[in-house]
Amino acid sequence: MPKAPRTAEEVDLVKQAILTKALQLIVDEGYNKLSMRKIASRLGITAANIYNYFASKEEINLWIRIKGFEIMDTMLSKSNDEKKSLVDNLRGLLRAYFEFGTAYSEYYDIIFNLRTPKVTDYIGTEFEEIAMTRLRVSGRRCLNHFLQIVEKVFLSKDKLPENFTLYKTTQLWSDMHGLVSLYNSNQIQQVVDNPKEFIDSRIEALIRELLGKKRLKLIL
């Protein structure tokens, strides 16, 4: 009697298992050493079986990145509350970013730190459409959380220089990226007695630096 085809839920579970194992291998050994055979071996299945779900390791990397951005987007979205002040929402956003970066450090590394194919690397390949519609869009949603709140901070009748909001957003993201990377590498823990207190104080300092004393008093 032929085996019944897998349900959509069963197929998704297998795909997630493949992506999870591939993510671990990339973080541990590097993307260049990743192979379908190695993933299959770690899962106790054949390499041919992996190809039933993904065409190549490039496609696997693509979906890992998409999942990482989607997790980040969900966490950043929850930090926004229309009933709260701008300062509270900004604080919530920065804390949510830090939480994602530390709680999902493997996804954070593959998105920001490790040398793996990015959106532009998929242009001209069979995965270009997915990269441009799913990966780029999910990444842009995460960036927009920061762009929108920074834009509110500098909402003014005065004309701002071109790309000012993007510059300030990138500056803020760079500072937060530094905190996440230092924390994940266990460096902050080596030099301060209370890492959590240090992170909280740096987030508060970044808020003050972004708002400026005058604007902070007006908002508060």
N, C-alpha and C. Protein backbone atom coordinates (compact mmCIF):
# COMPACT_ATOMS: atom_id res chain seq x y z
N MET A 1 0.85 -1.20 0.00
CA MET A 1 0.00 0.00 0.00
C MET A 1 0.88 1.25 0.00
N PRO A 2 0.67 2.14 -0.99
CA PRO A 2 1.53 3.33 -1.07
C PRO A 2 1.38 4.22 0.16
N LYS A 3 2.50 4.86 0.50
CA LYS A 3 2.52 5.74 1.66
C LYS A 3 1.71 7.01 1.37
N ALA A 4 0.89 7.40 2.33
CA ALA A 4 0.07 8.61 2.15
C ALA A 4 0.97 9.84 2.07
N PRO A 5 0.65 10.78 1.18
CA PRO A 5 1.46 12.00 1.07
C PRO A 5 1.43 12.80 2.36
N ARG A 6 2.50 13.52 2.61
CA ARG A 6 2.57 14.34 3.82
C ARG A 6 1.55 15.47 3.76
N THR A 7 1.03 15.82 4.91
CA THR A 7 0.13 16.97 4.99
C THR A 7 0.97 18.24 4.91
N ALA A 8 0.29 19.36 4.68
CA ALA A 8 1.00 20.65 4.62
C ALA A 8 1.73 20.93 5.93
N GLU A 9 1.10 20.55 7.05
CA GLU A 9 1.72 20.77 8.36
C GLU A 9 2.98 19.92 8.51
N GLU A 10 2.92 18.68 8.03
CA GLU A 10 4.08 17.79 8.12
C GLU A 10 5.22 18.29 7.24
N VAL A 11 4.89 18.77 6.06
CA VAL A 11 5.90 19.32 5.16
C VAL A 11 6.57 20.53 5.80
N ASP A 12 5.77 21.38 6.42
CA ASP A 12 6.31 22.58 7.07
C ASP A 12 7.24 22.21 8.22
N LEU A 13 6.88 21.18 8.98
CA LEU A 13 7.72 20.75 10.10
C LEU A 13 9.08 20.26 9.61
N VAL A 14 9.07 19.52 8.50
CA VAL A 14 10.33 19.03 7.94
C VAL A 14 11.17 20.21 7.44
N LYS A 15 10.53 21.14 6.77
CA LYS A 15 11.25 22.32 6.27
C LYS A 15 11.89 23.10 7.41
N GLN A 16 11.12 23.29 8.49
CA GLN A 16 11.64 24.04 9.64
C GLN A 16 12.81 23.31 10.28
N ALA A 17 12.73 21.97 10.32
CA ALA A 17 13.84 21.19 10.88
C ALA A 17 15.10 21.35 10.04
N ILE A 18 14.92 21.37 8.73
CA ILE A 18 16.06 21.56 7.82
C ILE A 18 16.67 22.95 8.01
N LEU A 19 15.83 23.97 8.07
CA LEU A 19 16.31 25.34 8.24
C LEU A 19 17.02 25.52 9.58
N THR A 20 16.47 24.94 10.62
CA THR A 20 17.07 25.05 11.95
C THR A 20 18.45 24.40 11.99
N LYS A 21 18.56 23.21 11.42
CA LYS A 21 19.84 22.51 11.40
C LYS A 21 20.85 23.25 10.53
N ALA A 22 20.40 23.77 9.40
CA ALA A 22 21.28 24.52 8.50
C ALA A 22 21.79 25.79 9.19
N LEU A 23 20.92 26.45 9.91
CA LEU A 23 21.31 27.67 10.64
C LEU A 23 22.41 27.34 11.64
N GLN A 24 22.26 26.27 12.38
CA GLN A 24 23.27 25.87 13.36
C GLN A 24 24.60 25.57 12.69
N LEU A 25 24.54 24.91 11.53
CA LEU A 25 25.77 24.56 10.81
C LEU A 25 26.47 25.81 10.28
N ILE A 26 25.70 26.76 9.78
CA ILE A 26 26.29 28.00 9.25
C ILE A 26 26.98 28.77 10.37
N VAL A 27 26.33 28.88 11.52
CA VAL A 27 26.91 29.60 12.64
C VAL A 27 28.16 28.88 13.17
N ASP A 28 28.10 27.56 13.24
CA ASP A 28 29.21 26.79 13.80
C ASP A 28 30.40 26.65 12.85
N GLU A 29 30.11 26.45 11.55
CA GLU A 29 31.17 26.10 10.61
C GLU A 29 31.36 27.10 9.47
N GLY A 30 30.39 28.00 9.28
CA GLY A 30 30.48 28.94 8.18
C GLY A 30 29.66 28.51 6.98
N TYR A 31 29.18 29.47 6.23
CA TYR A 31 28.31 29.18 5.10
C TYR A 31 29.03 28.37 4.02
N ASN A 32 30.30 28.66 3.79
CA ASN A 32 31.04 27.97 2.72
C ASN A 32 31.14 26.47 2.94
N LYS A 33 31.08 26.04 4.20
CA LYS A 33 31.19 24.61 4.51
C LYS A 33 29.83 23.92 4.58
N LEU A 34 28.77 24.69 4.39
CA LEU A 34 27.44 24.11 4.42
C LEU A 34 27.19 23.30 3.15
N SER A 35 26.57 22.15 3.29
CA SER A 35 26.21 21.33 2.13
C SER A 35 24.92 20.59 2.44
N MET A 36 24.22 20.20 1.40
CA MET A 36 22.97 19.46 1.57
C MET A 36 23.26 18.11 2.23
N ARG A 37 24.40 17.51 1.87
CA ARG A 37 24.77 16.22 2.45
C ARG A 37 25.01 16.34 3.95
N LYS A 38 25.66 17.44 4.36
CA LYS A 38 25.95 17.63 5.78
C LYS A 38 24.68 17.87 6.57
N ILE A 39 23.76 18.66 6.01
CA ILE A 39 22.47 18.89 6.68
C ILE A 39 21.73 17.57 6.85
N ALA A 40 21.69 16.79 5.77
CA ALA A 40 20.98 15.51 5.80
C ALA A 40 21.58 14.57 6.85
N SER A 41 22.90 14.55 6.92
CA SER A 41 23.58 13.68 7.87
C SER A 41 23.20 14.04 9.30
N ARG A 42 23.15 15.34 9.59
CA ARG A 42 22.81 15.79 10.95
C ARG A 42 21.35 15.48 11.29
N LEU A 43 20.50 15.38 10.27
CA LEU A 43 19.08 15.09 10.50
C LEU A 43 18.77 13.60 10.41
N GLY A 44 19.75 12.81 9.98
CA GLY A 44 19.53 11.37 9.86
C GLY A 44 18.68 10.99 8.67
N ILE A 45 18.76 11.78 7.60
CA ILE A 45 18.03 11.47 6.37
C ILE A 45 19.00 11.53 5.19
N THR A 46 18.52 11.21 4.00
CA THR A 46 19.39 11.25 2.83
C THR A 46 19.42 12.65 2.23
N ALA A 47 20.51 12.95 1.53
CA ALA A 47 20.63 14.25 0.86
C ALA A 47 19.54 14.41 -0.19
N ALA A 48 19.19 13.30 -0.83
CA ALA A 48 18.14 13.35 -1.85
C ALA A 48 16.82 13.83 -1.24
N ASN A 49 16.60 13.47 0.01
CA ASN A 49 15.37 13.89 0.69
C ASN A 49 15.35 15.40 0.91
N ILE A 50 16.51 15.98 1.18
CA ILE A 50 16.58 17.43 1.38
C ILE A 50 16.13 18.16 0.11
N TYR A 51 16.51 17.60 -1.05
CA TYR A 51 16.17 18.23 -2.31
C TYR A 51 14.67 18.17 -2.61
N ASN A 52 13.95 17.38 -1.87
CA ASN A 52 12.49 17.37 -2.03
C ASN A 52 11.86 18.65 -1.47
N TYR A 53 12.64 19.37 -0.65
CA TYR A 53 12.11 20.55 0.02
C TYR A 53 12.81 21.84 -0.39
N PHE A 54 14.10 21.75 -0.70
CA PHE A 54 14.86 22.94 -1.10
C PHE A 54 15.78 22.59 -2.26
N ALA A 55 15.92 23.53 -3.19
CA ALA A 55 16.70 23.26 -4.40
C ALA A 55 18.21 23.33 -4.15
N SER A 56 18.63 24.11 -3.17
CA SER A 56 20.07 24.30 -2.94
C SER A 56 20.29 24.95 -1.58
N LYS A 57 21.55 25.02 -1.18
CA LYS A 57 21.86 25.68 0.08
C LYS A 57 21.62 27.18 -0.02
N GLU A 58 21.68 27.72 -1.25
CA GLU A 58 21.37 29.14 -1.44
C GLU A 58 19.91 29.42 -1.09
N GLU A 59 19.02 28.52 -1.50
CA GLU A 59 17.61 28.70 -1.16
C GLU A 59 17.40 28.55 0.34
N ILE A 60 18.10 27.62 0.96
CA ILE A 60 17.98 27.43 2.41
C ILE A 60 18.40 28.70 3.13
N ASN A 61 19.52 29.28 2.73
CA ASN A 61 19.98 30.53 3.34
C ASN A 61 18.94 31.63 3.18
N LEU A 62 18.33 31.68 2.02
CA LEU A 62 17.31 32.69 1.74
C LEU A 62 16.16 32.59 2.73
N TRP A 63 15.66 31.39 2.95
CA TRP A 63 14.51 31.22 3.85
C TRP A 63 14.89 31.37 5.32
N ILE A 64 16.13 31.08 5.66
CA ILE A 64 16.59 31.34 7.03
C ILE A 64 16.56 32.84 7.31
N ARG A 65 17.05 33.61 6.37
CA ARG A 65 17.09 35.07 6.53
C ARG A 65 15.67 35.64 6.60
N ILE A 66 14.79 35.13 5.76
CA ILE A 66 13.40 35.59 5.78
C ILE A 66 12.78 35.33 7.15
N LYS A 67 12.99 34.11 7.66
CA LYS A 67 12.43 33.77 8.97
C LYS A 67 12.99 34.67 10.06
N GLY A 68 14.29 34.95 10.01
CA GLY A 68 14.91 35.81 11.00
C GLY A 68 14.30 37.20 11.00
N PHE A 69 14.14 37.78 9.82
CA PHE A 69 13.54 39.11 9.73
C PHE A 69 12.08 39.10 10.19
N GLU A 70 11.38 38.02 9.90
CA GLU A 70 9.97 37.95 10.32
C GLU A 70 9.84 37.87 11.84
N ILE A 71 10.75 37.14 12.49
CA ILE A 71 10.75 37.09 13.95
C ILE A 71 11.06 38.47 14.51
N MET A 72 12.05 39.14 13.93
CA MET A 72 12.41 40.48 14.38
C MET A 72 11.25 41.45 14.20
N ASP A 73 10.61 41.39 13.05
CA ASP A 73 9.48 42.28 12.76
C ASP A 73 8.37 42.11 13.78
N THR A 74 8.07 40.86 14.13
CA THR A 74 7.03 40.58 15.12
C THR A 74 7.38 41.19 16.47
N MET A 75 8.62 41.04 16.88
CA MET A 75 9.05 41.57 18.18
C MET A 75 9.07 43.10 18.18
N LEU A 76 9.51 43.69 17.10
CA LEU A 76 9.54 45.16 17.02
C LEU A 76 8.12 45.72 16.97
N SER A 77 7.23 45.03 16.28
CA SER A 77 5.84 45.49 16.17
C SER A 77 5.17 45.55 17.53
N LYS A 78 5.45 44.58 18.38
CA LYS A 78 4.84 44.53 19.70
C LYS A 78 5.30 45.65 20.61
N SER A 79 6.42 46.29 20.26
CA SER A 79 6.94 47.35 21.12
C SER A 79 6.20 48.67 20.94
N ASN A 80 5.40 48.77 19.87
CA ASN A 80 4.70 50.02 19.58
C ASN A 80 3.31 50.03 20.21
N ASP A 81 3.02 51.05 20.98
CA ASP A 81 1.73 51.18 21.65
C ASP A 81 1.27 52.63 21.51
N GLU A 82 0.20 52.83 20.77
CA GLU A 82 -0.28 54.19 20.51
C GLU A 82 -0.66 54.93 21.80
N LYS A 83 -0.95 54.19 22.87
CA LYS A 83 -1.34 54.81 24.13
C LYS A 83 -0.13 55.34 24.90
N LYS A 84 1.07 54.91 24.49
CA LYS A 84 2.28 55.32 25.20
C LYS A 84 2.92 56.53 24.54
N SER A 85 3.81 57.17 25.26
CA SER A 85 4.51 58.34 24.75
C SER A 85 5.55 57.94 23.72
N LEU A 86 6.02 58.93 22.99
CA LEU A 86 7.06 58.69 21.99
C LEU A 86 8.32 58.13 22.64
N VAL A 87 8.68 58.67 23.79
CA VAL A 87 9.87 58.20 24.49
C VAL A 87 9.71 56.74 24.91
N ASP A 88 8.55 56.39 25.44
CA ASP A 88 8.31 55.01 25.85
C ASP A 88 8.35 54.05 24.67
N ASN A 89 7.80 54.47 23.54
CA ASN A 89 7.82 53.62 22.35
C ASN A 89 9.22 53.47 21.79
N LEU A 90 9.99 54.54 21.86
CA LEU A 90 11.38 54.48 21.40
C LEU A 90 12.17 53.54 22.30
N ARG A 91 11.96 53.67 23.60
CA ARG A 91 12.64 52.78 24.55
C ARG A 91 12.22 51.32 24.31
N GLY A 92 10.94 51.11 24.08
CA GLY A 92 10.45 49.76 23.83
C GLY A 92 11.04 49.17 22.56
N LEU A 93 11.19 50.00 21.53
CA LEU A 93 11.75 49.53 20.27
C LEU A 93 13.20 49.11 20.44
N LEU A 94 13.98 49.92 21.13
CA LEU A 94 15.39 49.60 21.33
C LEU A 94 15.56 48.34 22.18
N ARG A 95 14.72 48.21 23.18
CA ARG A 95 14.79 47.01 24.03
C ARG A 95 14.36 45.76 23.25
N ALA A 96 13.35 45.92 22.39
CA ALA A 96 12.89 44.78 21.59
C ALA A 96 13.98 44.34 20.61
N TYR A 97 14.69 45.32 20.04
CA TYR A 97 15.79 44.99 19.12
C TYR A 97 16.88 44.24 19.87
N PHE A 98 17.22 44.72 21.05
CA PHE A 98 18.25 44.05 21.85
C PHE A 98 17.80 42.64 22.23
N GLU A 99 16.54 42.50 22.58
CA GLU A 99 16.01 41.19 22.96
C GLU A 99 16.08 40.21 21.78
N PHE A 100 15.71 40.69 20.59
CA PHE A 100 15.82 39.82 19.42
C PHE A 100 17.26 39.42 19.19
N GLY A 101 18.15 40.38 19.23
CA GLY A 101 19.56 40.12 18.94
C GLY A 101 20.21 39.15 19.89
N THR A 102 19.75 39.13 21.15
CA THR A 102 20.35 38.25 22.15
C THR A 102 19.59 36.93 22.30
N ALA A 103 18.27 36.98 22.21
CA ALA A 103 17.48 35.75 22.34
C ALA A 103 17.56 34.91 21.07
N TYR A 104 17.73 35.55 19.92
CA TYR A 104 17.84 34.85 18.64
C TYR A 104 19.19 35.19 18.01
N SER A 105 20.24 34.95 18.78
CA SER A 105 21.58 35.37 18.35
C SER A 105 22.03 34.69 17.05
N GLU A 106 21.58 33.46 16.82
CA GLU A 106 21.99 32.78 15.58
C GLU A 106 21.37 33.46 14.36
N TYR A 107 20.09 33.81 14.47
CA TYR A 107 19.45 34.55 13.38
C TYR A 107 20.10 35.93 13.22
N TYR A 108 20.41 36.55 14.34
CA TYR A 108 21.04 37.88 14.29
C TYR A 108 22.37 37.80 13.55
N ASP A 109 23.15 36.78 13.86
CA ASP A 109 24.45 36.63 13.21
C ASP A 109 24.32 36.42 11.71
N ILE A 110 23.38 35.56 11.31
CA ILE A 110 23.27 35.28 9.88
C ILE A 110 22.73 36.48 9.11
N ILE A 111 21.95 37.32 9.79
CA ILE A 111 21.43 38.52 9.13
C ILE A 111 22.49 39.60 9.03
N PHE A 112 23.24 39.82 10.10
CA PHE A 112 24.10 41.00 10.17
C PHE A 112 25.60 40.74 10.20
N ASN A 113 26.02 39.57 10.67
CA ASN A 113 27.46 39.39 10.91
C ASN A 113 28.16 38.41 9.98
N LEU A 114 27.50 37.31 9.67
CA LEU A 114 28.16 36.26 8.90
C LEU A 114 28.15 36.54 7.40
N ARG A 115 29.15 36.01 6.72
CA ARG A 115 29.24 36.18 5.27
C ARG A 115 28.37 35.12 4.57
N THR A 116 27.14 35.50 4.33
CA THR A 116 26.21 34.64 3.61
C THR A 116 25.56 35.48 2.52
N PRO A 117 24.97 34.87 1.49
CA PRO A 117 24.32 35.64 0.43
C PRO A 117 23.25 36.58 0.97
N LYS A 118 23.27 37.83 0.47
CA LYS A 118 22.28 38.84 0.83
C LYS A 118 21.32 39.04 -0.34
N VAL A 119 20.41 40.00 -0.20
CA VAL A 119 19.38 40.21 -1.23
C VAL A 119 19.97 40.36 -2.62
N THR A 120 20.96 41.25 -2.77
CA THR A 120 21.51 41.53 -4.10
C THR A 120 22.23 40.33 -4.71
N ASP A 121 22.67 39.40 -3.86
CA ASP A 121 23.36 38.23 -4.39
C ASP A 121 22.41 37.29 -5.13
N TYR A 122 21.12 37.46 -4.92
CA TYR A 122 20.13 36.59 -5.56
C TYR A 122 19.61 37.17 -6.88
N ILE A 123 20.00 38.39 -7.18
CA ILE A 123 19.57 38.99 -8.45
C ILE A 123 20.18 38.22 -9.61
N GLY A 124 19.34 37.86 -10.57
CA GLY A 124 19.81 37.10 -11.72
C GLY A 124 19.79 35.61 -11.50
N THR A 125 19.30 35.17 -10.32
CA THR A 125 19.20 33.74 -10.04
C THR A 125 17.74 33.32 -10.05
N GLU A 126 17.50 32.02 -9.91
CA GLU A 126 16.13 31.51 -9.90
C GLU A 126 15.37 31.95 -8.65
N PHE A 127 16.10 32.47 -7.66
CA PHE A 127 15.46 32.89 -6.41
C PHE A 127 15.28 34.40 -6.30
N GLU A 128 15.52 35.10 -7.41
CA GLU A 128 15.46 36.57 -7.37
C GLU A 128 14.08 37.07 -6.93
N GLU A 129 13.02 36.49 -7.45
CA GLU A 129 11.67 36.97 -7.11
C GLU A 129 11.38 36.82 -5.61
N ILE A 130 11.74 35.67 -5.05
CA ILE A 130 11.51 35.46 -3.62
C ILE A 130 12.36 36.43 -2.81
N ALA A 131 13.60 36.62 -3.23
CA ALA A 131 14.50 37.53 -2.51
C ALA A 131 13.98 38.96 -2.53
N MET A 132 13.45 39.38 -3.66
CA MET A 132 13.00 40.76 -3.80
C MET A 132 11.63 41.00 -3.16
N THR A 133 10.79 39.98 -3.14
CA THR A 133 9.45 40.17 -2.61
C THR A 133 9.32 39.77 -1.14
N ARG A 134 10.02 38.73 -0.73
CA ARG A 134 9.90 38.26 0.66
C ARG A 134 11.05 38.78 1.53
N LEU A 135 12.29 38.55 1.08
CA LEU A 135 13.44 38.92 1.91
C LEU A 135 13.59 40.43 2.03
N ARG A 136 13.58 41.11 0.89
CA ARG A 136 13.76 42.56 0.94
C ARG A 136 12.61 43.23 1.68
N VAL A 137 11.40 42.78 1.45
CA VAL A 137 10.23 43.38 2.09
C VAL A 137 10.26 43.17 3.60
N SER A 138 10.60 41.95 4.04
CA SER A 138 10.64 41.67 5.48
C SER A 138 11.74 42.47 6.15
N GLY A 139 12.87 42.61 5.48
CA GLY A 139 13.95 43.42 6.04
C GLY A 139 13.58 44.89 6.10
N ARG A 140 12.88 45.35 5.07
CA ARG A 140 12.47 46.75 5.02
C ARG A 140 11.46 47.06 6.12
N ARG A 141 10.59 46.11 6.43
CA ARG A 141 9.61 46.33 7.50
C ARG A 141 10.33 46.57 8.83
N CYS A 142 11.39 45.81 9.07
CA CYS A 142 12.15 46.00 10.31
C CYS A 142 12.80 47.37 10.34
N LEU A 143 13.38 47.78 9.22
CA LEU A 143 13.99 49.11 9.15
C LEU A 143 12.95 50.21 9.35
N ASN A 144 11.76 50.01 8.79
CA ASN A 144 10.72 51.04 8.88
C ASN A 144 10.27 51.31 10.31
N HIS A 145 10.35 50.32 11.18
CA HIS A 145 10.02 50.56 12.58
C HIS A 145 10.90 51.67 13.14
N PHE A 146 12.17 51.65 12.78
CA PHE A 146 13.11 52.65 13.25
C PHE A 146 12.93 53.97 12.50
N LEU A 147 12.76 53.89 11.19
CA LEU A 147 12.59 55.11 10.40
C LEU A 147 11.39 55.92 10.86
N GLN A 148 10.29 55.23 11.13
CA GLN A 148 9.06 55.92 11.51
C GLN A 148 9.17 56.62 12.85
N ILE A 149 9.80 55.96 13.82
CA ILE A 149 9.89 56.59 15.13
C ILE A 149 10.92 57.71 15.14
N VAL A 150 12.01 57.55 14.38
CA VAL A 150 13.00 58.62 14.28
C VAL A 150 12.39 59.82 13.57
N GLU A 151 11.57 59.56 12.58
CA GLU A 151 10.89 60.64 11.86
C GLU A 151 9.98 61.43 12.80
N LYS A 152 9.30 60.73 13.71
CA LYS A 152 8.44 61.40 14.69
C LYS A 152 9.25 62.25 15.64
N VAL A 153 10.43 61.76 15.99
CA VAL A 153 11.30 62.53 16.90
C VAL A 153 11.66 63.88 16.29
N PHE A 154 11.94 63.88 15.01
CA PHE A 154 12.39 65.11 14.35
C PHE A 154 11.28 65.79 13.56
N LEU A 155 10.03 65.42 13.86
CA LEU A 155 8.90 66.04 13.20
C LEU A 155 8.91 67.54 13.51
N SER A 156 9.08 68.34 12.50
CA SER A 156 9.23 69.79 12.71
C SER A 156 8.87 70.53 11.44
N LYS A 157 8.56 71.79 11.60
CA LYS A 157 8.29 72.62 10.43
C LYS A 157 9.58 72.98 9.71
N ASP A 158 10.67 72.90 10.44
CA ASP A 158 11.96 73.21 9.83
C ASP A 158 12.32 72.13 8.81
N LYS A 159 12.86 72.56 7.71
CA LYS A 159 13.26 71.63 6.66
C LYS A 159 14.53 70.91 7.07
N LEU A 160 14.49 69.58 7.01
CA LEU A 160 15.64 68.79 7.38
C LEU A 160 16.49 68.48 6.15
N PRO A 161 17.79 68.29 6.34
CA PRO A 161 18.65 67.94 5.21
C PRO A 161 18.19 66.63 4.56
N GLU A 162 18.51 66.46 3.31
CA GLU A 162 18.12 65.25 2.59
C GLU A 162 18.72 64.01 3.26
N ASN A 163 17.92 62.98 3.40
CA ASN A 163 18.34 61.71 4.00
C ASN A 163 18.70 61.84 5.48
N PHE A 164 18.26 62.93 6.13
CA PHE A 164 18.59 63.14 7.54
C PHE A 164 18.01 62.02 8.41
N THR A 165 16.75 61.67 8.18
CA THR A 165 16.11 60.62 8.98
C THR A 165 16.82 59.29 8.80
N LEU A 166 17.17 58.96 7.56
CA LEU A 166 17.88 57.71 7.30
C LEU A 166 19.24 57.71 7.98
N TYR A 167 19.92 58.85 7.96
CA TYR A 167 21.23 58.96 8.60
C TYR A 167 21.11 58.73 10.11
N LYS A 168 20.15 59.40 10.74
CA LYS A 168 19.95 59.26 12.18
C LYS A 168 19.53 57.83 12.54
N THR A 169 18.70 57.23 11.70
CA THR A 169 18.27 55.85 11.93
C THR A 169 19.45 54.90 11.85
N THR A 170 20.28 55.07 10.84
CA THR A 170 21.46 54.22 10.67
C THR A 170 22.43 54.40 11.84
N GLN A 171 22.56 55.62 12.30
CA GLN A 171 23.43 55.90 13.46
C GLN A 171 22.91 55.17 14.70
N LEU A 172 21.60 55.25 14.91
CA LEU A 172 20.98 54.59 16.06
C LEU A 172 21.13 53.07 15.95
N TRP A 173 20.87 52.54 14.77
CA TRP A 173 21.02 51.10 14.55
C TRP A 173 22.46 50.65 14.78
N SER A 174 23.42 51.44 14.33
CA SER A 174 24.83 51.09 14.52
C SER A 174 25.17 50.98 16.00
N ASP A 175 24.67 51.92 16.79
CA ASP A 175 24.91 51.89 18.23
C ASP A 175 24.30 50.64 18.86
N MET A 176 23.06 50.30 18.47
CA MET A 176 22.40 49.13 19.03
C MET A 176 23.08 47.84 18.56
N HIS A 177 23.53 47.83 17.33
CA HIS A 177 24.25 46.67 16.80
C HIS A 177 25.52 46.42 17.61
N GLY A 178 26.19 47.49 17.97
CA GLY A 178 27.39 47.37 18.78
C GLY A 178 27.09 46.75 20.13
N LEU A 179 26.00 47.19 20.76
CA LEU A 179 25.62 46.63 22.06
C LEU A 179 25.30 45.15 21.96
N VAL A 180 24.51 44.78 20.95
CA VAL A 180 24.14 43.38 20.77
C VAL A 180 25.38 42.52 20.52
N SER A 181 26.25 42.99 19.65
CA SER A 181 27.43 42.21 19.29
C SER A 181 28.38 42.04 20.47
N LEU A 182 28.58 43.11 21.24
CA LEU A 182 29.44 43.02 22.41
C LEU A 182 28.85 42.09 23.47
N TYR A 183 27.54 42.15 23.62
CA TYR A 183 26.88 41.29 24.60
C TYR A 183 26.96 39.83 24.17
N ASN A 184 26.66 39.56 22.90
CA ASN A 184 26.66 38.18 22.42
C ASN A 184 28.06 37.56 22.42
N SER A 185 29.08 38.39 22.29
CA SER A 185 30.45 37.89 22.30
C SER A 185 31.01 37.80 23.72
N ASN A 186 30.15 38.11 24.70
CA ASN A 186 30.52 38.02 26.12
C ASN A 186 31.59 39.03 26.51
N GLN A 187 31.69 40.12 25.77
CA GLN A 187 32.70 41.14 26.07
C GLN A 187 32.23 42.11 27.16
N ILE A 188 30.97 42.55 27.06
CA ILE A 188 30.45 43.46 28.08
C ILE A 188 30.51 42.79 29.45
N GLN A 189 30.20 41.52 29.50
CA GLN A 189 30.19 40.78 30.76
C GLN A 189 31.57 40.72 31.40
N GLN A 190 32.60 40.92 30.60
CA GLN A 190 33.97 40.86 31.12
C GLN A 190 34.41 42.16 31.78
N VAL A 191 33.74 43.26 31.45
CA VAL A 191 34.24 44.55 31.93
C VAL A 191 33.28 45.30 32.85
N VAL A 192 32.03 44.86 32.95
CA VAL A 192 31.09 45.53 33.86
C VAL A 192 30.49 44.50 34.80
N ASP A 193 30.16 44.93 36.01
CA ASP A 193 29.62 44.02 37.01
C ASP A 193 28.16 43.66 36.76
N ASN A 194 27.42 44.61 36.20
CA ASN A 194 26.00 44.38 35.97
C ASN A 194 25.67 44.67 34.50
N PRO A 195 25.80 43.68 33.61
CA PRO A 195 25.57 43.90 32.17
C PRO A 195 24.19 44.45 31.86
N LYS A 196 23.15 43.93 32.52
CA LYS A 196 21.78 44.39 32.25
C LYS A 196 21.63 45.87 32.58
N GLU A 197 22.18 46.26 33.72
CA GLU A 197 22.12 47.67 34.12
C GLU A 197 22.87 48.54 33.13
N PHE A 198 24.01 48.04 32.64
CA PHE A 198 24.79 48.79 31.66
C PHE A 198 24.01 48.97 30.36
N ILE A 199 23.39 47.89 29.88
CA ILE A 199 22.61 47.96 28.64
C ILE A 199 21.46 48.95 28.79
N ASP A 200 20.76 48.88 29.91
CA ASP A 200 19.64 49.80 30.15
C ASP A 200 20.12 51.25 30.15
N SER A 201 21.27 51.48 30.78
CA SER A 201 21.78 52.85 30.85
C SER A 201 22.21 53.35 29.48
N ARG A 202 22.76 52.47 28.65
CA ARG A 202 23.17 52.86 27.30
C ARG A 202 21.95 53.16 26.43
N ILE A 203 20.89 52.38 26.59
CA ILE A 203 19.67 52.64 25.84
C ILE A 203 19.10 54.00 26.23
N GLU A 204 19.10 54.30 27.51
CA GLU A 204 18.61 55.61 27.97
C GLU A 204 19.49 56.72 27.43
N ALA A 205 20.80 56.50 27.37
CA ALA A 205 21.72 57.50 26.84
C ALA A 205 21.48 57.73 25.35
N LEU A 206 21.20 56.65 24.61
CA LEU A 206 20.92 56.78 23.17
C LEU A 206 19.64 57.57 22.94
N ILE A 207 18.65 57.36 23.81
CA ILE A 207 17.41 58.12 23.70
C ILE A 207 17.68 59.60 23.92
N ARG A 208 18.46 59.92 24.94
CA ARG A 208 18.78 61.32 25.24
C ARG A 208 19.57 61.95 24.10
N GLU A 209 20.52 61.19 23.55
CA GLU A 209 21.34 61.71 22.46
C GLU A 209 20.50 61.97 21.21
N LEU A 210 19.55 61.07 20.94
CA LEU A 210 18.71 61.23 19.76
C LEU A 210 17.76 62.41 19.90
N LEU A 211 17.14 62.51 21.07
CA LEU A 211 16.15 63.56 21.28
C LEU A 211 16.77 64.92 21.52
N GLY A 212 17.87 64.95 22.23
CA GLY A 212 18.45 66.24 22.62
C GLY A 212 17.71 66.75 23.85
N LYS A 213 18.38 67.50 24.68
CA LYS A 213 17.80 67.97 25.94
C LYS A 213 16.52 68.79 25.74
N LYS A 214 16.54 69.70 24.79
CA LYS A 214 15.39 70.58 24.57
C LYS A 214 14.19 69.80 24.10
N ARG A 215 14.39 68.93 23.10
CA ARG A 215 13.29 68.14 22.54
C ARG A 215 12.78 67.13 23.58
N LEU A 216 13.68 66.60 24.38
CA LEU A 216 13.29 65.62 25.40
C LEU A 216 12.35 66.25 26.42
N LYS A 217 12.64 67.48 26.84
CA LYS A 217 11.77 68.17 27.80
C LYS A 217 10.39 68.44 27.21
N LEU A 218 10.36 68.78 25.93
CA LEU A 218 9.08 69.07 25.28
C LEU A 218 8.22 67.81 25.18
N ILE A 219 8.86 66.68 24.86
CA ILE A 219 8.14 65.43 24.68
C ILE A 219 7.65 64.91 26.02
N LEU A 220 8.52 64.97 27.02
CA LEU A 220 8.16 64.49 28.34
C LEU A 220 7.10 65.38 28.98
